[in-house]
């Protein structure tokens, strides 16, 4: 499962996860940033399945 999520992170991801990955990559390195972003994606997927939607990725209506 870890392999699949890391592969998913390396393709185009949401802006929020990509921003987090870039921020972590600047501080900790490329490999650690990939794993951290993959973990964030899995966490969002878990909450999305549990709650029926992912509010953190919803666009704000202005």
PDB file of N, CA and C in Angstrom:
ATOM      1  N   UNK A   1       0.823  -1.182   0.000  1.00  0.00           N
ATOM      2  CA  UNK A   1       0.000   0.000   0.000  1.00  0.00           C
ATOM      3  C   UNK A   1       0.871   1.251   0.000  1.00  0.00           C
ATOM      4  N   UNK A   2       1.955   1.216   0.761  1.00  0.00           N
ATOM      5  CA  UNK A   2       2.843   2.381   0.817  1.00  0.00           C
ATOM      6  C   UNK A   2       3.376   2.710  -0.569  1.00  0.00           C
ATOM      7  N   UNK A   3       3.751   1.686  -1.321  1.00  0.00           N
ATOM      8  CA  UNK A   3       4.288   1.900  -2.660  1.00  0.00           C
ATOM      9  C   UNK A   3       3.269   2.621  -3.538  1.00  0.00           C
ATOM     10  N   UNK A   4       2.024   2.181  -3.494  1.00  0.00           N
ATOM     11  CA  UNK A   4       0.991   2.769  -4.344  1.00  0.00           C
ATOM     12  C   UNK A   4       0.742   4.234  -3.996  1.00  0.00           C
ATOM     13  N   UNK A   5       0.746   4.551  -2.722  1.00  0.00           N
ATOM     14  CA  UNK A   5       0.491   5.935  -2.316  1.00  0.00           C
ATOM     15  C   UNK A   5       1.667   6.826  -2.681  1.00  0.00           C
ATOM     16  N   UNK A   6       2.887   6.327  -2.522  1.00  0.00           N
ATOM     17  CA  UNK A   6       4.062   7.114  -2.908  1.00  0.00           C
ATOM     18  C   UNK A   6       4.047   7.362  -4.412  1.00  0.00           C
ATOM     19  N   UNK A   7       3.651   6.380  -5.189  1.00  0.00           N
ATOM     20  CA  UNK A   7       3.531   6.566  -6.636  1.00  0.00           C
ATOM     21  C   UNK A   7       2.461   7.612  -6.966  1.00  0.00           C
ATOM     22  N   UNK A   8       1.361   7.591  -6.244  1.00  0.00           N
ATOM     23  CA  UNK A   8       0.288   8.556  -6.485  1.00  0.00           C
ATOM     24  C   UNK A   8       0.739   9.974  -6.163  1.00  0.00           C
ATOM     25  N   UNK A   9       1.544  10.132  -5.149  1.00  0.00           N
ATOM     26  CA  UNK A   9       2.033  11.453  -4.747  1.00  0.00           C
ATOM     27  C   UNK A   9       2.950  12.044  -5.815  1.00  0.00           C
ATOM     28  N   UNK A  10       3.691  11.202  -6.515  1.00  0.00           N
ATOM     29  CA  UNK A  10       4.653  11.702  -7.489  1.00  0.00           C
ATOM     30  C   UNK A  10       3.988  12.215  -8.758  1.00  0.00           C
ATOM     31  N   UNK A  11       2.748  11.828  -8.992  1.00  0.00           N
ATOM     32  CA  UNK A  11       2.033  12.388 -10.136  1.00  0.00           C
ATOM     33  C   UNK A  11       1.412  13.710  -9.713  1.00  0.00           C
ATOM     34  N   UNK A  12       0.613  14.298 -10.574  1.00  0.00           N
ATOM     35  CA  UNK A  12      -0.017  15.572 -10.218  1.00  0.00           C
ATOM     36  C   UNK A  12      -0.944  15.361  -9.029  1.00  0.00           C
ATOM     37  N   UNK A  13      -0.741  16.171  -8.015  1.00  0.00           N
ATOM     38  CA  UNK A  13      -1.567  16.070  -6.819  1.00  0.00           C
ATOM     39  C   UNK A  13      -2.300  17.381  -6.613  1.00  0.00           C
ATOM     40  N   UNK A  14      -3.086  17.424  -5.583  1.00  0.00           N
ATOM     41  CA  UNK A  14      -3.800  18.656  -5.277  1.00  0.00           C
ATOM     42  C   UNK A  14      -2.807  19.738  -4.886  1.00  0.00           C
ATOM     43  N   UNK A  15      -3.204  20.956  -5.036  1.00  0.00           N
ATOM     44  CA  UNK A  15      -2.324  22.087  -4.739  1.00  0.00           C
ATOM     45  C   UNK A  15      -1.914  22.067  -3.270  1.00  0.00           C
ATOM     46  N   UNK A  16      -2.845  21.739  -2.387  1.00  0.00           N
ATOM     47  CA  UNK A  16      -2.559  21.732  -0.955  1.00  0.00           C
ATOM     48  C   UNK A  16      -1.461  20.730  -0.620  1.00  0.00           C
ATOM     49  N   UNK A  17      -1.553  19.529  -1.127  1.00  0.00           N
ATOM     50  CA  UNK A  17      -0.550  18.505  -0.836  1.00  0.00           C
ATOM     51  C   UNK A  17       0.772  18.855  -1.504  1.00  0.00           C
ATOM     52  N   UNK A  18       0.734  19.402  -2.716  1.00  0.00           N
ATOM     53  CA  UNK A  18       1.962  19.801  -3.403  1.00  0.00           C
ATOM     54  C   UNK A  18       2.676  20.916  -2.654  1.00  0.00           C
ATOM     55  N   UNK A  19       1.921  21.864  -2.102  1.00  0.00           N
ATOM     56  CA  UNK A  19       2.532  22.942  -1.313  1.00  0.00           C
ATOM     57  C   UNK A  19       3.189  22.390  -0.056  1.00  0.00           C
ATOM     58  N   UNK A  20       2.502  21.483   0.615  1.00  0.00           N
ATOM     59  CA  UNK A  20       3.070  20.873   1.819  1.00  0.00           C
ATOM     60  C   UNK A  20       4.336  20.092   1.484  1.00  0.00           C
ATOM     61  N   UNK A  21       4.293  19.360   0.373  1.00  0.00           N
ATOM     62  CA  UNK A  21       5.461  18.575  -0.033  1.00  0.00           C
ATOM     63  C   UNK A  21       6.650  19.485  -0.333  1.00  0.00           C
ATOM     64  N   UNK A  22       6.421  20.591  -1.031  1.00  0.00           N
ATOM     65  CA  UNK A  22       7.507  21.524  -1.356  1.00  0.00           C
ATOM     66  C   UNK A  22       8.094  22.149  -0.096  1.00  0.00           C
ATOM     67  N   UNK A  23       7.236  22.471   0.855  1.00  0.00           N
ATOM     68  CA  UNK A  23       7.697  23.068   2.111  1.00  0.00           C
ATOM     69  C   UNK A  23       8.563  22.079   2.899  1.00  0.00           C
ATOM     70  N   UNK A  24       8.121  20.832   2.977  1.00  0.00           N
ATOM     71  CA  UNK A  24       8.884  19.815   3.702  1.00  0.00           C
ATOM     72  C   UNK A  24      10.170  19.482   2.959  1.00  0.00           C
ATOM     73  N   UNK A  25      10.104  19.449   1.632  1.00  0.00           N
ATOM     74  CA  UNK A  25      11.282  19.136   0.822  1.00  0.00           C
ATOM     75  C   UNK A  25      12.391  20.157   1.029  1.00  0.00           C
ATOM     76  N   UNK A  26      12.027  21.415   1.190  1.00  0.00           N
ATOM     77  CA  UNK A  26      13.029  22.461   1.409  1.00  0.00           C
ATOM     78  C   UNK A  26      13.748  22.273   2.745  1.00  0.00           C
ATOM     79  N   UNK A  27      13.033  21.757   3.729  1.00  0.00           N
ATOM     80  CA  UNK A  27      13.628  21.596   5.061  1.00  0.00           C
ATOM     81  C   UNK A  27      14.291  20.247   5.272  1.00  0.00           C
ATOM     82  N   UNK A  28      13.631  19.161   4.796  1.00  0.00           N
ATOM     83  CA  UNK A  28      14.057  17.826   5.192  1.00  0.00           C
ATOM     84  C   UNK A  28      14.607  16.965   4.069  1.00  0.00           C
ATOM     85  N   UNK A  29      14.344  17.320   2.826  1.00  0.00           N
ATOM     86  CA  UNK A  29      14.834  16.519   1.713  1.00  0.00           C
ATOM     87  C   UNK A  29      13.699  15.892   0.919  1.00  0.00           C
ATOM     88  N   UNK A  30      14.060  15.445  -0.278  1.00  0.00           N
ATOM     89  CA  UNK A  30      13.073  14.959  -1.233  1.00  0.00           C
ATOM     90  C   UNK A  30      12.383  13.670  -0.780  1.00  0.00           C
ATOM     91  N   UNK A  31      13.149  12.707  -0.293  1.00  0.00           N
ATOM     92  CA  UNK A  31      12.571  11.413   0.076  1.00  0.00           C
ATOM     93  C   UNK A  31      11.631  11.522   1.275  1.00  0.00           C
ATOM     94  N   UNK A  32      12.036  12.271   2.272  1.00  0.00           N
ATOM     95  CA  UNK A  32      11.191  12.449   3.454  1.00  0.00           C
ATOM     96  C   UNK A  32       9.918  13.196   3.074  1.00  0.00           C
ATOM     97  N   UNK A  33      10.036  14.161   2.172  1.00  0.00           N
ATOM     98  CA  UNK A  33       8.866  14.924   1.737  1.00  0.00           C
ATOM     99  C   UNK A  33       7.867  14.032   1.002  1.00  0.00           C
ATOM    100  N   UNK A  34       8.359  13.097   0.188  1.00  0.00           N
ATOM    101  CA  UNK A  34       7.466  12.179  -0.520  1.00  0.00           C
ATOM    102  C   UNK A  34       6.658  11.337   0.459  1.00  0.00           C
ATOM    103  N   UNK A  35       7.329  10.800   1.469  1.00  0.00           N
ATOM    104  CA  UNK A  35       6.654   9.947   2.444  1.00  0.00           C
ATOM    105  C   UNK A  35       5.664  10.760   3.276  1.00  0.00           C
ATOM    106  N   UNK A  36       6.056  11.973   3.651  1.00  0.00           N
ATOM    107  CA  UNK A  36       5.156  12.829   4.437  1.00  0.00           C
ATOM    108  C   UNK A  36       3.910  13.192   3.634  1.00  0.00           C
ATOM    109  N   UNK A  37       4.084  13.499   2.351  1.00  0.00           N
ATOM    110  CA  UNK A  37       2.937  13.832   1.503  1.00  0.00           C
ATOM    111  C   UNK A  37       2.049  12.605   1.291  1.00  0.00           C
ATOM    112  N   UNK A  38       2.663  11.437   1.158  1.00  0.00           N
ATOM    113  CA  UNK A  38       1.891  10.204   1.010  1.00  0.00           C
ATOM    114  C   UNK A  38       1.065   9.939   2.264  1.00  0.00           C
ATOM    115  N   UNK A  39       1.656  10.173   3.414  1.00  0.00           N
ATOM    116  CA  UNK A  39       0.925   9.982   4.666  1.00  0.00           C
ATOM    117  C   UNK A  39      -0.248  10.960   4.761  1.00  0.00           C
ATOM    118  N   UNK A  40      -0.024  12.190   4.338  1.00  0.00           N
ATOM    119  CA  UNK A  40      -1.095  13.187   4.360  1.00  0.00           C
ATOM    120  C   UNK A  40      -2.232  12.763   3.416  1.00  0.00           C
ATOM    121  N   UNK A  41      -1.879  12.231   2.246  1.00  0.00           N
ATOM    122  CA  UNK A  41      -2.891  11.766   1.304  1.00  0.00           C
ATOM    123  C   UNK A  41      -3.697  10.610   1.892  1.00  0.00           C
ATOM    124  N   UNK A  42      -3.017   9.661   2.537  1.00  0.00           N
ATOM    125  CA  UNK A  42      -3.718   8.543   3.161  1.00  0.00           C
ATOM    126  C   UNK A  42      -4.638   9.012   4.280  1.00  0.00           C
ATOM    127  N   UNK A  43      -4.180   9.980   5.055  1.00  0.00           N
ATOM    128  CA  UNK A  43      -5.003  10.524   6.135  1.00  0.00           C
ATOM    129  C   UNK A  43      -6.258  11.174   5.567  1.00  0.00           C
ATOM    130  N   UNK A  44      -6.097  11.963   4.502  1.00  0.00           N
ATOM    131  CA  UNK A  44      -7.256  12.595   3.871  1.00  0.00           C
ATOM    132  C   UNK A  44      -8.209  11.555   3.280  1.00  0.00           C
ATOM    133  N   UNK A  45      -7.656  10.486   2.704  1.00  0.00           N
ATOM    134  CA  UNK A  45      -8.499   9.425   2.149  1.00  0.00           C
ATOM    135  C   UNK A  45      -9.293   8.736   3.254  1.00  0.00           C
ATOM    136  N   UNK A  46      -8.651   8.494   4.392  1.00  0.00           N
ATOM    137  CA  UNK A  46      -9.336   7.874   5.523  1.00  0.00           C
ATOM    138  C   UNK A  46     -10.507   8.738   5.988  1.00  0.00           C
ATOM    139  N   UNK A  47     -10.243  10.018   6.205  1.00  0.00           N
ATOM    140  CA  UNK A  47     -11.309  10.907   6.661  1.00  0.00           C
ATOM    141  C   UNK A  47     -12.395  11.065   5.601  1.00  0.00           C
ATOM    142  N   UNK A  48     -12.007  11.046   4.337  1.00  0.00           N
ATOM    143  CA  UNK A  48     -12.998  11.130   3.271  1.00  0.00           C
ATOM    144  C   UNK A  48     -13.924   9.926   3.253  1.00  0.00           C
ATOM    145  N   UNK A  49     -13.363   8.748   3.453  1.00  0.00           N
ATOM    146  CA  UNK A  49     -14.192   7.546   3.504  1.00  0.00           C
ATOM    147  C   UNK A  49     -15.050   7.521   4.765  1.00  0.00           C
ATOM    148  N   UNK A  50     -14.491   7.966   5.873  1.00  0.00           N
ATOM    149  CA  UNK A  50     -15.221   7.958   7.136  1.00  0.00           C
ATOM    150  C   UNK A  50     -16.362   8.971   7.139  1.00  0.00           C
ATOM    151  N   UNK A  51     -16.084  10.185   6.646  1.00  0.00           N
ATOM    152  CA  UNK A  51     -17.054  11.276   6.735  1.00  0.00           C
ATOM    153  C   UNK A  51     -17.865  11.485   5.460  1.00  0.00           C
ATOM    154  N   UNK A  52     -17.472  10.858   4.369  1.00  0.00           N
ATOM    155  CA  UNK A  52     -18.200  11.019   3.118  1.00  0.00           C
ATOM    156  C   UNK A  52     -17.720  12.180   2.268  1.00  0.00           C
ATOM    157  N   UNK A  53     -16.648  12.840   2.648  1.00  0.00           N
ATOM    158  CA  UNK A  53     -16.103  13.950   1.874  1.00  0.00           C
ATOM    159  C   UNK A  53     -14.876  14.522   2.556  1.00  0.00           C
ATOM    160  N   UNK A  54     -14.069  15.235   1.793  1.00  0.00           N
ATOM    161  CA  UNK A  54     -12.846  15.821   2.336  1.00  0.00           C
ATOM    162  C   UNK A  54     -13.013  17.330   2.343  1.00  0.00           C
ATOM    163  N   UNK A  55     -13.284  17.872   3.497  1.00  0.00           N
ATOM    164  CA  UNK A  55     -13.515  19.316   3.609  1.00  0.00           C
ATOM    165  C   UNK A  55     -12.238  20.115   3.421  1.00  0.00           C
ATOM    166  N   UNK A  56     -11.092  19.565   3.775  1.00  0.00           N
ATOM    167  CA  UNK A  56      -9.830  20.301   3.682  1.00  0.00           C
ATOM    168  C   UNK A  56      -9.488  20.647   2.235  1.00  0.00           C
ATOM    169  N   UNK A  57      -9.969  19.865   1.291  1.00  0.00           N
ATOM    170  CA  UNK A  57      -9.663  20.114  -0.114  1.00  0.00           C
ATOM    171  C   UNK A  57     -10.770  20.873  -0.834  1.00  0.00           C
ATOM    172  N   UNK A  58     -11.869  21.149  -0.148  1.00  0.00           N
ATOM    173  CA  UNK A  58     -12.979  21.877  -0.770  1.00  0.00           C
ATOM    174  C   UNK A  58     -12.571  23.322  -1.013  1.00  0.00           C
ATOM    175  N   UNK A  59     -13.001  23.848  -2.129  1.00  0.00           N
ATOM    176  CA  UNK A  59     -12.689  25.242  -2.454  1.00  0.00           C
ATOM    177  C   UNK A  59     -13.616  26.164  -1.682  1.00  0.00           C
ATOM    178  N   UNK A  60     -13.047  27.231  -1.190  1.00  0.00           N
ATOM    179  CA  UNK A  60     -13.836  28.208  -0.439  1.00  0.00           C
ATOM    180  C   UNK A  60     -14.707  29.008  -1.399  1.00  0.00           C
ATOM    181  N   UNK A  61     -15.938  29.204  -1.047  1.00  0.00           N
ATOM    182  CA  UNK A  61     -16.862  29.995  -1.858  1.00  0.00           C
ATOM    183  C   UNK A  61     -16.774  31.435  -1.391  1.00  0.00           C
ATOM    184  N   UNK A  62     -16.382  32.311  -2.314  1.00  0.00           N
ATOM    185  CA  UNK A  62     -16.210  33.724  -1.934  1.00  0.00           C
ATOM    186  C   UNK A  62     -17.360  34.572  -2.385  1.00  0.00           C
TER     187      UNK A  62
END
